[in-house]
Amino acid sequence: MIKIKSPLDEGTIKVLKAGDFVLLSGIIYTGRDAAHKRFIEIINKGEKLSFDIKNSVIYYVGPTPPKPGYVIGSCGPTTSYRMDKYTPKLLEIGLKGMIGKGERNKDVIDAIVKYRGVYFTAIGGAGAFISKCVKKADVIAFEDLGPEAVMRLEVEDFPLIVTIDANGNDFSKIGIEKYRRV
């Protein structure tokens, strides 16, 4: 396991390779498709987002409400392809990492390479386990979206797999090819 911190820096992104297992600590932001649509509308108006996107990581999640005494409810990843049409623009303006599940389209992979980003996969079905890595959670934008509001999460040792590295290597495709050779 490689321990990394968010916000991400160029040195960290450079050494991450598709297939690496990492433990991420630091600040990440949540956002699903409705929030991403609003991000782009705000950017297109020339306005600023409610958080500094430079070197940030966005987690594609809509957490459940927390039980009493908990920071957050179950928070497993959502399918990433719904954010694909918005992602290249966010990478262009400084986003460095995305967390979700599933494959990404060619435009996203090309943008990851061009803007030196990274796509991580969180383990689907492990939302209750993942929630234990969240130490603090605050809604920072779009409260009207309910569980899909943008949140600022403070995480510690959040387990992830580097799925697409900054060179465009895609672990999902590498894994399939490796399996076929067996």
Protein backbone atom coordinates (compact mmCIF):
# COMPACT_ATOMS: atom_id res chain seq x y z
CA MET A 1 0.00 0.00 0.00
CA ILE A 2 1.17 3.47 -0.90
CA LYS A 3 0.13 6.24 1.49
CA ILE A 4 -0.76 9.49 -0.27
CA LYS A 5 -2.24 12.85 0.72
CA SER A 6 -4.85 15.12 -0.82
CA PRO A 7 -4.62 17.70 -2.25
CA LEU A 8 -2.47 15.77 -4.73
CA ASP A 9 0.85 17.08 -5.98
CA GLU A 10 2.70 16.42 -9.23
CA GLY A 11 5.28 14.24 -7.49
CA THR A 12 2.63 11.91 -6.13
CA ILE A 13 0.74 11.69 -9.42
CA LYS A 14 3.96 10.94 -11.29
CA VAL A 15 4.79 7.84 -9.22
CA LEU A 16 1.29 6.30 -9.15
CA LYS A 17 0.82 3.42 -11.57
CA ALA A 18 -2.33 1.64 -12.71
CA GLY A 19 -2.92 -1.24 -10.30
CA ASP A 20 -1.31 0.40 -7.26
CA PHE A 21 -3.19 0.09 -4.00
CA VAL A 22 -3.21 3.35 -2.05
CA LEU A 23 -4.42 4.75 1.25
CA LEU A 24 -5.53 8.35 0.78
CA SER A 25 -5.65 10.85 3.63
CA GLY A 26 -6.59 14.52 3.54
CA ILE A 27 -9.43 16.56 2.06
CA ILE A 28 -11.65 15.31 -0.75
CA TYR A 29 -14.93 16.62 -2.14
CA THR A 30 -18.07 14.77 -3.11
CA GLY A 31 -20.05 15.30 -6.26
CA ARG A 32 -22.28 13.31 -8.55
CA ASP A 33 -23.82 14.16 -11.93
CA ALA A 34 -26.25 16.87 -10.74
CA ALA A 35 -23.42 18.67 -8.91
CA HIS A 36 -21.08 18.27 -11.88
CA LYS A 37 -23.66 19.85 -14.18
CA ARG A 38 -23.79 22.84 -11.82
CA PHE A 39 -19.97 22.99 -11.61
CA ILE A 40 -19.79 23.43 -15.37
CA GLU A 41 -22.58 26.03 -15.40
CA ILE A 42 -20.71 28.04 -12.74
CA ILE A 43 -17.40 27.74 -14.61
CA ASN A 44 -19.03 28.75 -17.90
CA LYS A 45 -20.39 31.90 -16.22
CA GLY A 46 -16.83 32.77 -15.16
CA GLU A 47 -17.67 32.33 -11.49
CA LYS A 48 -15.73 30.45 -8.82
CA LEU A 49 -16.66 27.07 -7.37
CA SER A 50 -17.37 26.73 -3.66
CA PHE A 51 -14.00 24.99 -3.22
CA ASP A 52 -10.55 25.29 -4.72
CA ILE A 53 -10.48 22.63 -7.43
CA LYS A 54 -6.72 22.96 -8.02
CA ASN A 55 -5.06 19.64 -7.08
CA SER A 56 -8.31 18.42 -5.54
CA VAL A 57 -9.93 14.99 -5.55
CA ILE A 58 -13.65 14.50 -6.19
CA TYR A 59 -15.40 11.37 -4.91
CA TYR A 60 -18.46 10.29 -6.88
CA VAL A 61 -20.76 9.45 -3.99
CA GLY A 62 -24.18 10.22 -2.55
CA PRO A 63 -23.80 9.14 1.08
CA THR A 64 -26.68 8.01 3.24
CA PRO A 65 -27.55 10.11 6.30
CA PRO A 66 -25.37 9.37 9.31
CA LYS A 67 -26.69 7.39 12.23
CA PRO A 68 -26.50 9.18 15.58
CA GLY A 69 -22.89 9.46 16.67
CA TYR A 70 -21.49 8.88 13.18
CA VAL A 71 -19.82 11.39 10.85
CA ILE A 72 -21.42 10.04 7.66
CA GLY A 73 -23.62 7.19 6.54
CA SER A 74 -22.68 4.48 4.10
CA CYS A 75 -20.67 6.08 1.30
CA GLY A 76 -19.81 3.66 -1.45
CA PRO A 77 -18.80 4.88 -4.92
CA THR A 78 -21.23 5.52 -7.74
CA THR A 79 -20.65 4.68 -11.40
CA SER A 80 -18.27 7.20 -12.91
CA TYR A 81 -19.40 7.32 -16.54
CA ARG A 82 -22.22 9.74 -15.63
CA MET A 83 -19.56 12.38 -14.93
CA ASP A 84 -17.57 11.72 -18.12
CA LYS A 85 -19.04 14.63 -20.11
CA TYR A 86 -18.02 17.09 -17.36
CA THR A 87 -14.65 15.65 -16.32
CA PRO A 88 -12.32 16.95 -19.08
CA LYS A 89 -13.23 20.58 -18.27
CA LEU A 90 -12.66 20.01 -14.55
CA LEU A 91 -9.28 18.43 -15.24
CA GLU A 92 -8.42 21.38 -17.47
CA ILE A 93 -8.98 23.85 -14.62
CA GLY A 94 -6.98 21.89 -12.06
CA LEU A 95 -8.81 18.79 -10.77
CA LYS A 96 -6.22 16.06 -10.20
CA GLY A 97 -8.09 13.04 -8.87
CA MET A 98 -11.42 11.31 -9.19
CA ILE A 99 -12.80 8.40 -7.17
CA GLY A 100 -15.61 6.19 -8.41
CA LYS A 101 -16.24 2.82 -9.95
CA GLY A 102 -16.37 1.59 -13.51
CA GLU A 103 -14.65 2.51 -16.71
CA ARG A 104 -14.05 5.99 -18.16
CA ASN A 105 -14.43 7.06 -21.79
CA LYS A 106 -11.61 7.99 -24.17
CA ASP A 107 -12.14 11.75 -23.70
CA VAL A 108 -11.64 11.40 -19.95
CA ILE A 109 -8.57 9.19 -20.36
CA ASP A 110 -7.09 11.67 -22.85
CA ALA A 111 -7.76 14.54 -20.40
CA ILE A 112 -6.19 12.57 -17.52
CA VAL A 113 -3.02 12.23 -19.61
CA LYS A 114 -3.05 15.83 -20.92
CA TYR A 115 -3.64 17.44 -17.51
CA ARG A 116 -1.72 14.85 -15.44
CA GLY A 117 -4.51 13.46 -13.29
CA VAL A 118 -5.44 10.09 -11.84
CA TYR A 119 -8.62 8.03 -11.56
CA PHE A 120 -9.07 5.84 -8.50
CA THR A 121 -11.57 3.08 -7.91
CA ALA A 122 -13.16 2.60 -4.51
CA ILE A 123 -14.58 -0.81 -3.69
CA GLY A 124 -18.24 -1.03 -4.62
CA GLY A 125 -20.43 -2.62 -1.94
CA ALA A 126 -18.09 -1.49 0.84
CA GLY A 127 -19.85 1.78 1.70
CA ALA A 128 -20.20 1.02 5.41
CA PHE A 129 -16.50 0.13 5.64
CA ILE A 130 -15.44 3.20 3.65
CA SER A 131 -17.49 5.46 5.93
CA LYS A 132 -15.12 4.60 8.79
CA CYS A 133 -12.34 6.38 6.89
CA VAL A 134 -14.30 9.65 6.94
CA LYS A 135 -13.32 11.70 9.99
CA LYS A 136 -15.29 14.86 9.19
CA ALA A 137 -18.02 15.76 6.69
CA ASP A 138 -19.52 19.17 5.91
CA VAL A 139 -21.93 20.22 3.18
CA ILE A 140 -20.34 23.11 1.26
CA ALA A 141 -22.61 23.54 -1.79
CA PHE A 142 -25.94 22.64 -3.38
CA GLU A 143 -27.67 21.60 -0.15
CA ASP A 144 -30.90 21.33 -2.17
CA LEU A 145 -29.49 18.17 -3.80
CA GLY A 146 -29.85 16.28 -0.52
CA PRO A 147 -27.46 13.31 -0.42
CA GLU A 148 -25.92 14.54 -3.67
CA ALA A 149 -24.92 17.91 -2.18
CA VAL A 150 -21.24 18.73 -2.41
CA MET A 151 -19.44 17.83 0.79
CA ARG A 152 -15.94 18.46 2.07
CA LEU A 153 -14.67 15.22 3.58
CA GLU A 154 -11.65 14.75 5.76
CA VAL A 155 -10.48 11.18 5.20
CA GLU A 156 -7.82 8.96 6.72
CA ASP A 157 -6.39 5.87 5.03
CA PHE A 158 -9.19 5.70 2.46
CA PRO A 159 -8.47 2.48 0.47
CA LEU A 160 -8.31 2.92 -3.31
CA ILE A 161 -6.91 1.34 -6.45
CA VAL A 162 -5.20 3.46 -9.10
CA THR A 163 -7.32 2.57 -12.11
CA ILE A 164 -6.08 5.08 -14.70
CA ASP A 165 -2.70 6.66 -14.13
CA ALA A 166 -1.33 9.91 -15.57
CA ASN A 167 0.14 8.01 -18.51
CA GLY A 168 -3.27 6.63 -19.51
CA ASN A 169 -2.60 3.09 -18.35
CA ASP A 170 -5.98 1.55 -17.49
CA PHE A 171 -5.91 -1.17 -14.83
CA SER A 172 -9.32 -2.50 -15.89
CA LYS A 173 -7.95 -3.23 -19.36
CA ILE A 174 -4.58 -4.44 -18.07
CA GLY A 175 -6.37 -6.86 -15.73
CA ILE A 176 -8.53 -8.26 -18.54
CA GLU A 177 -5.49 -8.81 -20.79
CA LYS A 178 -3.58 -10.45 -17.96
CA TYR A 179 -6.52 -12.79 -17.29
CA ARG A 180 -6.77 -13.73 -20.99
CA ARG A 181 -3.09 -14.73 -21.05
CA VAL A 182 -3.55 -17.19 -18.18
